[in-house]
Amino acid sequence: MLKWEKKIVKEERTLPYSLRYEIQYDKKDLLEFSQKIESIPGVEILSMGKSLEVIKDLGNAKMVCDRYNLDKLVGTHAIGHARMATESGVDIKSAPPFLGLSF
């Protein structure tokens, strides 16, 4: 068990390969925290922050909307991207949009 696991506020498992966590963590150590998470084999952070959530998956718009209850989200902006990467890895983590680490 990870020593910072107690800071998990909410956990959702939409699919076998897709986990969503809401985590409370000291903002000053965010880079260290994200590096610890991504050091776990098979784990990659696709979205991190308070004002933007990146959701990546396969399927048409209706399937993805239904799977993640996107029609229940509240906000002013949404961006859809309908293709996978063609020159890098052809998988979910290599497809746009990408998380820009600003910390």
PDB file of N, CA and C in Angstrom:
ATOM      1  N   MET A   1       0.838  -1.184   0.000  1.00  0.00           N
ATOM      2  CA  MET A   1       0.000   0.000   0.000  1.00  0.00           C
ATOM      3  C   MET A   1       0.881   1.245   0.000  1.00  0.00           C
ATOM      4  N   LEU A   2       0.531   2.206  -0.817  1.00  0.00           N
ATOM      5  CA  LEU A   2       1.322   3.422  -0.933  1.00  0.00           C
ATOM      6  C   LEU A   2       1.076   4.328   0.259  1.00  0.00           C
ATOM      7  N   LYS A   3       2.119   4.995   0.734  1.00  0.00           N
ATOM      8  CA  LYS A   3       1.989   5.803   1.948  1.00  0.00           C
ATOM      9  C   LYS A   3       1.062   6.996   1.768  1.00  0.00           C
ATOM     10  N   TRP A   4       0.847   7.468   0.517  1.00  0.00           N
ATOM     11  CA  TRP A   4      -0.018   8.617   0.294  1.00  0.00           C
ATOM     12  C   TRP A   4      -1.410   8.219  -0.160  1.00  0.00           C
ATOM     13  N   GLU A   5      -1.718   6.940  -0.094  1.00  0.00           N
ATOM     14  CA  GLU A   5      -3.026   6.468  -0.545  1.00  0.00           C
ATOM     15  C   GLU A   5      -4.174   7.056   0.283  1.00  0.00           C
ATOM     16  N   LYS A   6      -3.916   7.405   1.528  1.00  0.00           N
ATOM     17  CA  LYS A   6      -4.964   7.951   2.387  1.00  0.00           C
ATOM     18  C   LYS A   6      -5.511   9.275   1.865  1.00  0.00           C
ATOM     19  N   LYS A   7      -4.844   9.879   0.917  1.00  0.00           N
ATOM     20  CA  LYS A   7      -5.272  11.162   0.384  1.00  0.00           C
ATOM     21  C   LYS A   7      -6.234  11.009  -0.799  1.00  0.00           C
ATOM     22  N   ILE A   8      -6.592   9.785  -1.153  1.00  0.00           N
ATOM     23  CA  ILE A   8      -7.561   9.563  -2.230  1.00  0.00           C
ATOM     24  C   ILE A   8      -8.949   9.951  -1.723  1.00  0.00           C
ATOM     25  N   VAL A   9      -9.600  10.890  -2.410  1.00  0.00           N
ATOM     26  CA  VAL A   9     -10.922  11.379  -2.026  1.00  0.00           C
ATOM     27  C   VAL A   9     -12.015  10.586  -2.736  1.00  0.00           C
ATOM     28  N   LYS A  10     -11.784  10.253  -4.002  1.00  0.00           N
ATOM     29  CA  LYS A  10     -12.788   9.556  -4.808  1.00  0.00           C
ATOM     30  C   LYS A  10     -12.080   8.680  -5.830  1.00  0.00           C
ATOM     31  N   GLU A  11     -12.626   7.495  -6.064  1.00  0.00           N
ATOM     32  CA  GLU A  11     -12.047   6.566  -7.042  1.00  0.00           C
ATOM     33  C   GLU A  11     -13.159   6.040  -7.937  1.00  0.00           C
ATOM     34  N   GLU A  12     -12.918   6.045  -9.254  1.00  0.00           N
ATOM     35  CA  GLU A  12     -13.868   5.497 -10.223  1.00  0.00           C
ATOM     36  C   GLU A  12     -13.116   4.587 -11.180  1.00  0.00           C
ATOM     37  N   ARG A  13     -13.703   3.458 -11.490  1.00  0.00           N
ATOM     38  CA  ARG A  13     -13.134   2.557 -12.495  1.00  0.00           C
ATOM     39  C   ARG A  13     -14.193   2.388 -13.577  1.00  0.00           C
ATOM     40  N   THR A  14     -14.018   3.103 -14.682  1.00  0.00           N
ATOM     41  CA  THR A  14     -14.976   3.054 -15.777  1.00  0.00           C
ATOM     42  C   THR A  14     -14.778   1.797 -16.615  1.00  0.00           C
ATOM     43  N   LEU A  15     -13.535   1.471 -16.893  1.00  0.00           N
ATOM     44  CA  LEU A  15     -13.170   0.312 -17.702  1.00  0.00           C
ATOM     45  C   LEU A  15     -11.975  -0.372 -17.052  1.00  0.00           C
ATOM     46  N   PRO A  16     -11.649  -1.590 -17.444  1.00  0.00           N
ATOM     47  CA  PRO A  16     -10.485  -2.257 -16.846  1.00  0.00           C
ATOM     48  C   PRO A  16      -9.184  -1.462 -16.984  1.00  0.00           C
ATOM     49  N   TYR A  17      -9.076  -0.633 -18.013  1.00  0.00           N
ATOM     50  CA  TYR A  17      -7.844   0.129 -18.247  1.00  0.00           C
ATOM     51  C   TYR A  17      -7.974   1.603 -17.871  1.00  0.00           C
ATOM     52  N   SER A  18      -9.080   1.998 -17.276  1.00  0.00           N
ATOM     53  CA  SER A  18      -9.324   3.416 -17.016  1.00  0.00           C
ATOM     54  C   SER A  18      -9.715   3.645 -15.558  1.00  0.00           C
ATOM     55  N   LEU A  19      -8.865   4.375 -14.854  1.00  0.00           N
ATOM     56  CA  LEU A  19      -9.142   4.741 -13.464  1.00  0.00           C
ATOM     57  C   LEU A  19      -9.189   6.254 -13.347  1.00  0.00           C
ATOM     58  N   ARG A  20     -10.038   6.757 -12.473  1.00  0.00           N
ATOM     59  CA  ARG A  20     -10.111   8.194 -12.207  1.00  0.00           C
ATOM     60  C   ARG A  20     -10.065   8.378 -10.705  1.00  0.00           C
ATOM     61  N   TYR A  21      -9.110   9.170 -10.268  1.00  0.00           N
ATOM     62  CA  TYR A  21      -8.966   9.449  -8.842  1.00  0.00           C
ATOM     63  C   TYR A  21      -9.070  10.947  -8.591  1.00  0.00           C
ATOM     64  N   GLU A  22      -9.742  11.309  -7.518  1.00  0.00           N
ATOM     65  CA  GLU A  22      -9.646  12.662  -6.977  1.00  0.00           C
ATOM     66  C   GLU A  22      -8.762  12.527  -5.753  1.00  0.00           C
ATOM     67  N   ILE A  23      -7.657  13.265  -5.752  1.00  0.00           N
ATOM     68  CA  ILE A  23      -6.644  13.111  -4.713  1.00  0.00           C
ATOM     69  C   ILE A  23      -6.325  14.464  -4.099  1.00  0.00           C
ATOM     70  N   GLN A  24      -6.260  14.514  -2.780  1.00  0.00           N
ATOM     71  CA  GLN A  24      -5.789  15.710  -2.088  1.00  0.00           C
ATOM     72  C   GLN A  24      -4.301  15.539  -1.851  1.00  0.00           C
ATOM     73  N   TYR A  25      -3.540  16.522  -2.263  1.00  0.00           N
ATOM     74  CA  TYR A  25      -2.094  16.441  -2.092  1.00  0.00           C
ATOM     75  C   TYR A  25      -1.525  17.835  -1.995  1.00  0.00           C
ATOM     76  N   ASP A  26      -0.440  17.984  -1.262  1.00  0.00           N
ATOM     77  CA  ASP A  26       0.207  19.282  -1.080  1.00  0.00           C
ATOM     78  C   ASP A  26       0.720  19.778  -2.426  1.00  0.00           C
ATOM     79  N   LYS A  27       0.192  20.914  -2.883  1.00  0.00           N
ATOM     80  CA  LYS A  27       0.514  21.441  -4.213  1.00  0.00           C
ATOM     81  C   LYS A  27       2.005  21.673  -4.418  1.00  0.00           C
ATOM     82  N   LYS A  28       2.735  22.018  -3.372  1.00  0.00           N
ATOM     83  CA  LYS A  28       4.159  22.301  -3.554  1.00  0.00           C
ATOM     84  C   LYS A  28       4.948  21.052  -3.944  1.00  0.00           C
ATOM     85  N   ASP A  29       4.395  19.872  -3.677  1.00  0.00           N
ATOM     86  CA  ASP A  29       5.081  18.630  -4.014  1.00  0.00           C
ATOM     87  C   ASP A  29       4.434  17.910  -5.196  1.00  0.00           C
ATOM     88  N   LEU A  30       3.705  18.631  -6.040  1.00  0.00           N
ATOM     89  CA  LEU A  30       2.953  18.016  -7.126  1.00  0.00           C
ATOM     90  C   LEU A  30       3.842  17.293  -8.136  1.00  0.00           C
ATOM     91  N   LEU A  31       4.979  17.861  -8.477  1.00  0.00           N
ATOM     92  CA  LEU A  31       5.877  17.206  -9.428  1.00  0.00           C
ATOM     93  C   LEU A  31       6.382  15.886  -8.856  1.00  0.00           C
ATOM     94  N   GLU A  32       6.840  15.909  -7.619  1.00  0.00           N
ATOM     95  CA  GLU A  32       7.322  14.681  -6.974  1.00  0.00           C
ATOM     96  C   GLU A  32       6.199  13.646  -6.904  1.00  0.00           C
ATOM     97  N   PHE A  33       5.011  14.103  -6.542  1.00  0.00           N
ATOM     98  CA  PHE A  33       3.862  13.216  -6.441  1.00  0.00           C
ATOM     99  C   PHE A  33       3.544  12.564  -7.785  1.00  0.00           C
ATOM    100  N   SER A  34       3.512  13.354  -8.861  1.00  0.00           N
ATOM    101  CA  SER A  34       3.203  12.802 -10.181  1.00  0.00           C
ATOM    102  C   SER A  34       4.282  11.824 -10.641  1.00  0.00           C
ATOM    103  N   GLN A  35       5.533  12.097 -10.312  1.00  0.00           N
ATOM    104  CA  GLN A  35       6.617  11.180 -10.671  1.00  0.00           C
ATOM    105  C   GLN A  35       6.478   9.854  -9.928  1.00  0.00           C
ATOM    106  N   LYS A  36       6.065   9.908  -8.670  1.00  0.00           N
ATOM    107  CA  LYS A  36       5.849   8.669  -7.908  1.00  0.00           C
ATOM    108  C   LYS A  36       4.725   7.846  -8.525  1.00  0.00           C
ATOM    109  N   ILE A  37       3.648   8.515  -8.909  1.00  0.00           N
ATOM    110  CA  ILE A  37       2.529   7.800  -9.523  1.00  0.00           C
ATOM    111  C   ILE A  37       2.966   7.149 -10.830  1.00  0.00           C
ATOM    112  N   GLU A  38       3.657   7.903 -11.686  1.00  0.00           N
ATOM    113  CA  GLU A  38       4.043   7.363 -12.991  1.00  0.00           C
ATOM    114  C   GLU A  38       5.196   6.367 -12.903  1.00  0.00           C
ATOM    115  N   SER A  39       5.807   6.212 -11.742  1.00  0.00           N
ATOM    116  CA  SER A  39       6.840   5.183 -11.578  1.00  0.00           C
ATOM    117  C   SER A  39       6.217   3.800 -11.363  1.00  0.00           C
ATOM    118  N   ILE A  40       4.904   3.760 -11.150  1.00  0.00           N
ATOM    119  CA  ILE A  40       4.196   2.490 -11.003  1.00  0.00           C
ATOM    120  C   ILE A  40       4.047   1.876 -12.395  1.00  0.00           C
ATOM    121  N   PRO A  41       4.499   0.637 -12.596  1.00  0.00           N
ATOM    122  CA  PRO A  41       4.413   0.013 -13.920  1.00  0.00           C
ATOM    123  C   PRO A  41       2.982   0.016 -14.473  1.00  0.00           C
ATOM    124  N   GLY A  42       2.844   0.471 -15.720  1.00  0.00           N
ATOM    125  CA  GLY A  42       1.557   0.474 -16.397  1.00  0.00           C
ATOM    126  C   GLY A  42       0.661   1.655 -16.076  1.00  0.00           C
ATOM    127  N   VAL A  43       1.147   2.609 -15.266  1.00  0.00           N
ATOM    128  CA  VAL A  43       0.324   3.760 -14.882  1.00  0.00           C
ATOM    129  C   VAL A  43       0.830   5.017 -15.567  1.00  0.00           C
ATOM    130  N   GLU A  44      -0.081   5.785 -16.133  1.00  0.00           N
ATOM    131  CA  GLU A  44       0.260   7.066 -16.751  1.00  0.00           C
ATOM    132  C   GLU A  44      -0.820   8.081 -16.420  1.00  0.00           C
ATOM    133  N   ILE A  45      -0.414   9.273 -16.032  1.00  0.00           N
ATOM    134  CA  ILE A  45      -1.351  10.351 -15.742  1.00  0.00           C
ATOM    135  C   ILE A  45      -1.745  11.005 -17.063  1.00  0.00           C
ATOM    136  N   LEU A  46      -3.048  11.066 -17.336  1.00  0.00           N
ATOM    137  CA  LEU A  46      -3.538  11.729 -18.544  1.00  0.00           C
ATOM    138  C   LEU A  46      -4.066  13.119 -18.247  1.00  0.00           C
ATOM    139  N   SER A  47      -4.403  13.393 -16.996  1.00  0.00           N
ATOM    140  CA  SER A  47      -4.958  14.690 -16.624  1.00  0.00           C
ATOM    141  C   SER A  47      -4.671  14.944 -15.154  1.00  0.00           C
ATOM    142  N   MET A  48      -4.257  16.178 -14.836  1.00  0.00           N
ATOM    143  CA  MET A  48      -3.992  16.527 -13.445  1.00  0.00           C
ATOM    144  C   MET A  48      -4.243  18.018 -13.267  1.00  0.00           C
ATOM    145  N   GLY A  49      -5.074  18.356 -12.342  1.00  0.00           N
ATOM    146  CA  GLY A  49      -5.355  19.759 -12.085  1.00  0.00           C
ATOM    147  C   GLY A  49      -6.746  19.957 -11.524  1.00  0.00           C
ATOM    148  N   LYS A  50      -7.118  21.215 -11.327  1.00  0.00           N
ATOM    149  CA  LYS A  50      -8.420  21.535 -10.745  1.00  0.00           C
ATOM    150  C   LYS A  50      -9.404  22.117 -11.752  1.00  0.00           C
ATOM    151  N   SER A  51      -8.924  22.644 -12.865  1.00  0.00           N
ATOM    152  CA  SER A  51      -9.833  23.346 -13.766  1.00  0.00           C
ATOM    153  C   SER A  51      -9.947  22.718 -15.150  1.00  0.00           C
ATOM    154  N   LEU A  52      -9.260  21.621 -15.385  1.00  0.00           N
ATOM    155  CA  LEU A  52      -9.311  20.958 -16.688  1.00  0.00           C
ATOM    156  C   LEU A  52      -9.193  19.459 -16.480  1.00  0.00           C
ATOM    157  N   GLU A  53     -10.046  18.713 -17.149  1.00  0.00           N
ATOM    158  CA  GLU A  53      -9.949  17.259 -17.087  1.00  0.00           C
ATOM    159  C   GLU A  53      -9.849  16.726 -18.506  1.00  0.00           C
ATOM    160  N   VAL A  54      -8.829  15.933 -18.760  1.00  0.00           N
ATOM    161  CA  VAL A  54      -8.633  15.307 -20.060  1.00  0.00           C
ATOM    162  C   VAL A  54      -9.130  13.869 -19.954  1.00  0.00           C
ATOM    163  N   ILE A  55     -10.043  13.497 -20.838  1.00  0.00           N
ATOM    164  CA  ILE A  55     -10.561  12.135 -20.895  1.00  0.00           C
ATOM    165  C   ILE A  55     -10.196  11.582 -22.257  1.00  0.00           C
ATOM    166  N   LYS A  56      -9.510  10.447 -22.267  1.00  0.00           N
ATOM    167  CA  LYS A  56      -9.110   9.820 -23.530  1.00  0.00           C
ATOM    168  C   LYS A  56      -9.649   8.396 -23.559  1.00  0.00           C
ATOM    169  N   ASP A  57     -10.231   8.027 -24.681  1.00  0.00           N
ATOM    170  CA  ASP A  57     -10.729   6.665 -24.835  1.00  0.00           C
ATOM    171  C   ASP A  57     -11.003   6.404 -26.308  1.00  0.00           C
ATOM    172  N   LEU A  58     -11.383   5.198 -26.603  1.00  0.00           N
ATOM    173  CA  LEU A  58     -11.723   4.795 -27.960  1.00  0.00           C
ATOM    174  C   LEU A  58     -13.232   4.684 -28.090  1.00  0.00           C
ATOM    175  N   GLY A  59     -13.743   4.994 -29.272  1.00  0.00           N
ATOM    176  CA  GLY A  59     -15.166   4.862 -29.537  1.00  0.00           C
ATOM    177  C   GLY A  59     -15.717   6.126 -30.161  1.00  0.00           C
ATOM    178  N   ASN A  60     -16.958   6.050 -30.609  1.00  0.00           N
ATOM    179  CA  ASN A  60     -17.567   7.245 -31.189  1.00  0.00           C
ATOM    180  C   ASN A  60     -17.995   8.196 -30.066  1.00  0.00           C
ATOM    181  N   ALA A  61     -18.421   9.401 -30.447  1.00  0.00           N
ATOM    182  CA  ALA A  61     -18.737  10.439 -29.459  1.00  0.00           C
ATOM    183  C   ALA A  61     -19.821   9.990 -28.481  1.00  0.00           C
ATOM    184  N   LYS A  62     -20.854   9.340 -28.957  1.00  0.00           N
ATOM    185  CA  LYS A  62     -21.946   8.886 -28.080  1.00  0.00           C
ATOM    186  C   LYS A  62     -21.450   7.851 -27.079  1.00  0.00           C
ATOM    187  N   MET A  63     -20.632   6.901 -27.531  1.00  0.00           N
ATOM    188  CA  MET A  63     -20.107   5.871 -26.630  1.00  0.00           C
ATOM    189  C   MET A  63     -19.269   6.490 -25.517  1.00  0.00           C
ATOM    190  N   VAL A  64     -18.378   7.405 -25.886  1.00  0.00           N
ATOM    191  CA  VAL A  64     -17.502   8.035 -24.895  1.00  0.00           C
ATOM    192  C   VAL A  64     -18.321   8.908 -23.948  1.00  0.00           C
ATOM    193  N   CYS A  65     -19.283   9.640 -24.481  1.00  0.00           N
ATOM    194  CA  CYS A  65     -20.157  10.474 -23.646  1.00  0.00           C
ATOM    195  C   CYS A  65     -20.897   9.621 -22.616  1.00  0.00           C
ATOM    196  N   ASP A  66     -21.480   8.532 -23.065  1.00  0.00           N
ATOM    197  CA  ASP A  66     -22.230   7.655 -22.161  1.00  0.00           C
ATOM    198  C   ASP A  66     -21.316   6.989 -21.136  1.00  0.00           C
ATOM    199  N   ARG A  67     -20.161   6.546 -21.576  1.00  0.00           N
ATOM    200  CA  ARG A  67     -19.227   5.832 -20.702  1.00  0.00           C
ATOM    201  C   ARG A  67     -18.752   6.697 -19.538  1.00  0.00           C
ATOM    202  N   TYR A  68     -18.518   7.976 -19.797  1.00  0.00           N
ATOM    203  CA  TYR A  68     -17.965   8.875 -18.776  1.00  0.00           C
ATOM    204  C   TYR A  68     -18.987   9.897 -18.272  1.00  0.00           C
ATOM    205  N   ASN A  69     -20.259   9.722 -18.639  1.00  0.00           N
ATOM    206  CA  ASN A  69     -21.324  10.640 -18.201  1.00  0.00           C
ATOM    207  C   ASN A  69     -20.974  12.094 -18.501  1.00  0.00           C
ATOM    208  N   LEU A  70     -20.450  12.342 -19.688  1.00  0.00           N
ATOM    209  CA  LEU A  70     -20.027  13.695 -20.043  1.00  0.00           C
ATOM    210  C   LEU A  70     -21.193  14.677 -20.074  1.00  0.00           C
ATOM    211  N   ASP A  71     -22.394  14.178 -20.333  1.00  0.00           N
ATOM    212  CA  ASP A  71     -23.555  15.064 -20.347  1.00  0.00           C
ATOM    213  C   ASP A  71     -23.904  15.586 -18.954  1.00  0.00           C
ATOM    214  N   LYS A  72     -23.296  15.025 -17.920  1.00  0.00           N
ATOM    215  CA  LYS A  72     -23.537  15.477 -16.541  1.00  0.00           C
ATOM    216  C   LYS A  72     -22.490  16.490 -16.069  1.00  0.00           C
ATOM    217  N   LEU A  73     -21.424  16.679 -16.834  1.00  0.00           N
ATOM    218  CA  LEU A  73     -20.379  17.617 -16.431  1.00  0.00           C
ATOM    219  C   LEU A  73     -20.866  19.054 -16.570  1.00  0.00           C
ATOM    220  N   VAL A  74     -20.364  19.907 -15.711  1.00  0.00           N
ATOM    221  CA  VAL A  74     -20.703  21.326 -15.747  1.00  0.00           C
ATOM    222  C   VAL A  74     -19.453  22.097 -16.130  1.00  0.00           C
ATOM    223  N   GLY A  75     -19.575  23.002 -17.081  1.00  0.00           N
ATOM    224  CA  GLY A  75     -18.432  23.799 -17.506  1.00  0.00           C
ATOM    225  C   GLY A  75     -18.809  24.677 -18.679  1.00  0.00           C
ATOM    226  N   THR A  76     -17.852  25.426 -19.149  1.00  0.00           N
ATOM    227  CA  THR A  76     -18.116  26.348 -20.250  1.00  0.00           C
ATOM    228  C   THR A  76     -17.467  25.922 -21.559  1.00  0.00           C
ATOM    229  N   HIS A  77     -16.517  24.988 -21.524  1.00  0.00           N
ATOM    230  CA  HIS A  77     -15.802  24.600 -22.736  1.00  0.00           C
ATOM    231  C   HIS A  77     -15.621  23.080 -22.783  1.00  0.00           C
ATOM    232  N   ALA A  78     -15.602  22.551 -23.981  1.00  0.00           N
ATOM    233  CA  ALA A  78     -15.274  21.143 -24.206  1.00  0.00           C
ATOM    234  C   ALA A  78     -14.629  21.036 -25.581  1.00  0.00           C
ATOM    235  N   ILE A  79     -13.681  20.158 -25.706  1.00  0.00           N
ATOM    236  CA  ILE A  79     -12.999  19.944 -26.982  1.00  0.00           C
ATOM    237  C   ILE A  79     -13.034  18.447 -27.269  1.00  0.00           C
ATOM    238  N   GLY A  80     -13.439  18.098 -28.464  1.00  0.00           N
ATOM    239  CA  GLY A  80     -13.416  16.708 -28.878  1.00  0.00           C
ATOM    240  C   GLY A  80     -12.343  16.512 -29.934  1.00  0.00           C
ATOM    241  N   HIS A  81     -11.680  15.396 -29.896  1.00  0.00           N
ATOM    242  CA  HIS A  81     -10.645  15.095 -30.885  1.00  0.00           C
ATOM    243  C   HIS A  81     -10.928  13.696 -31.399  1.00  0.00           C
ATOM    244  N   ALA A  82     -11.031  13.546 -32.693  1.00  0.00           N
ATOM    245  CA  ALA A  82     -11.544  12.299 -33.256  1.00  0.00           C
ATOM    246  C   ALA A  82     -10.536  11.497 -34.058  1.00  0.00           C
ATOM    247  N   ARG A  83      -9.279  11.492 -33.666  1.00  0.00           N
ATOM    248  CA  ARG A  83      -8.333  10.622 -34.363  1.00  0.00           C
ATOM    249  C   ARG A  83      -7.202  10.241 -33.430  1.00  0.00           C
ATOM    250  N   MET A  84      -6.592   9.130 -33.733  1.00  0.00           N
ATOM    251  CA  MET A  84      -5.442   8.665 -32.964  1.00  0.00           C
ATOM    252  C   MET A  84      -4.169   9.204 -33.606  1.00  0.00           C
ATOM    253  N   ALA A  85      -3.097   9.116 -32.873  1.00  0.00           N
ATOM    254  CA  ALA A  85      -1.796   9.529 -33.404  1.00  0.00           C
ATOM    255  C   ALA A  85      -1.427   8.640 -34.583  1.00  0.00           C
ATOM    256  N   THR A  86      -0.724   9.201 -35.565  1.00  0.00           N
ATOM    257  CA  THR A  86      -0.316   8.408 -36.723  1.00  0.00           C
ATOM    258  C   THR A  86       1.196   8.264 -36.834  1.00  0.00           C
ATOM    259  N   GLU A  87       1.947   9.133 -36.171  1.00  0.00           N
ATOM    260  CA  GLU A  87       3.399   9.060 -36.284  1.00  0.00           C
ATOM    261  C   GLU A  87       4.076   8.649 -34.987  1.00  0.00           C
ATOM    262  N   SER A  88       3.339   8.642 -33.901  1.00  0.00           N
ATOM    263  CA  SER A  88       3.900   8.176 -32.634  1.00  0.00           C
ATOM    264  C   SER A  88       3.195   6.873 -32.288  1.00  0.00           C
ATOM    265  N   GLY A  89       3.203   6.506 -31.033  1.00  0.00           N
ATOM    266  CA  GLY A  89       2.506   5.290 -30.641  1.00  0.00           C
ATOM    267  C   GLY A  89       1.020   5.411 -30.943  1.00  0.00           C
ATOM    268  N   VAL A  90       0.435   4.374 -31.491  1.00  0.00           N
ATOM    269  CA  VAL A  90      -0.989   4.396 -31.810  1.00  0.00           C
ATOM    270  C   VAL A  90      -1.739   3.771 -30.630  1.00  0.00           C
ATOM    271  N   ASP A  91      -1.908   4.580 -29.596  1.00  0.00           N
ATOM    272  CA  ASP A  91      -2.610   4.153 -28.400  1.00  0.00           C
ATOM    273  C   ASP A  91      -3.189   5.387 -27.713  1.00  0.00           C
ATOM    274  N   ILE A  92      -3.951   5.183 -26.669  1.00  0.00           N
ATOM    275  CA  ILE A  92      -4.645   6.296 -26.019  1.00  0.00           C
ATOM    276  C   ILE A  92      -3.678   7.320 -25.453  1.00  0.00           C
ATOM    277  N   LYS A  93      -2.614   6.891 -24.799  1.00  0.00           N
ATOM    278  CA  LYS A  93      -1.706   7.861 -24.159  1.00  0.00           C
ATOM    279  C   LYS A  93      -0.944   8.710 -25.174  1.00  0.00           C
ATOM    280  N   SER A  94      -0.781   8.219 -26.402  1.00  0.00           N
ATOM    281  CA  SER A  94      -0.035   8.966 -27.422  1.00  0.00           C
ATOM    282  C   SER A  94      -0.921   9.866 -28.280  1.00  0.00           C
ATOM    283  N   ALA A  95      -2.221   9.795 -28.075  1.00  0.00           N
ATOM    284  CA  ALA A  95      -3.157  10.603 -28.862  1.00  0.00           C
ATOM    285  C   ALA A  95      -3.390  11.957 -28.198  1.00  0.00           C
ATOM    286  N   PRO A  96      -3.569  13.023 -29.001  1.00  0.00           N
ATOM    287  CA  PRO A  96      -3.878  14.325 -28.427  1.00  0.00           C
ATOM    288  C   PRO A  96      -5.260  14.296 -27.769  1.00  0.00           C
ATOM    289  N   PRO A  97      -5.556  15.198 -26.868  1.00  0.00           N
ATOM    290  CA  PRO A  97      -4.705  16.270 -26.345  1.00  0.00           C
ATOM    291  C   PRO A  97      -3.735  15.739 -25.297  1.00  0.00           C
ATOM    292  N   PHE A  98      -2.682  16.494 -25.074  1.00  0.00           N
ATOM    293  CA  PHE A  98      -1.663  16.091 -24.115  1.00  0.00           C
ATOM    294  C   PHE A  98      -1.710  16.986 -22.891  1.00  0.00           C
ATOM    295  N   LEU A  99      -1.360  16.430 -21.757  1.00  0.00           N
ATOM    296  CA  LEU A  99      -1.271  17.194 -20.513  1.00  0.00           C
ATOM    297  C   LEU A  99       0.050  17.936 -20.497  1.00  0.00           C
ATOM    298  N   GLY A 100       0.000  19.250 -20.369  1.00  0.00           N
ATOM    299  CA  GLY A 100       1.214  20.050 -20.256  1.00  0.00           C
ATOM    300  C   GLY A 100       1.516  20.304 -18.795  1.00  0.00           C
ATOM    301  N   LEU A 101       2.613  19.780 -18.313  1.00  0.00           N
ATOM    302  CA  LEU A 101       2.964  19.964 -16.905  1.00  0.00           C
ATOM    303  C   LEU A 101       3.524  21.359 -16.707  1.00  0.00           C
ATOM    304  N   SER A 102       2.797  22.167 -15.958  1.00  0.00           N
ATOM    305  CA  SER A 102       3.222  23.547 -15.743  1.00  0.00           C
ATOM    306  C   SER A 102       3.816  23.746 -14.361  1.00  0.00           C
ATOM    307  N   PHE A 103       4.212  22.669 -13.727  1.00  0.00           N
ATOM    308  CA  PHE A 103       4.787  22.798 -12.389  1.00  0.00           C
ATOM    309  C   PHE A 103       6.220  22.359 -12.393  1.00  0.00           C
TER     310      PHE A 103
END
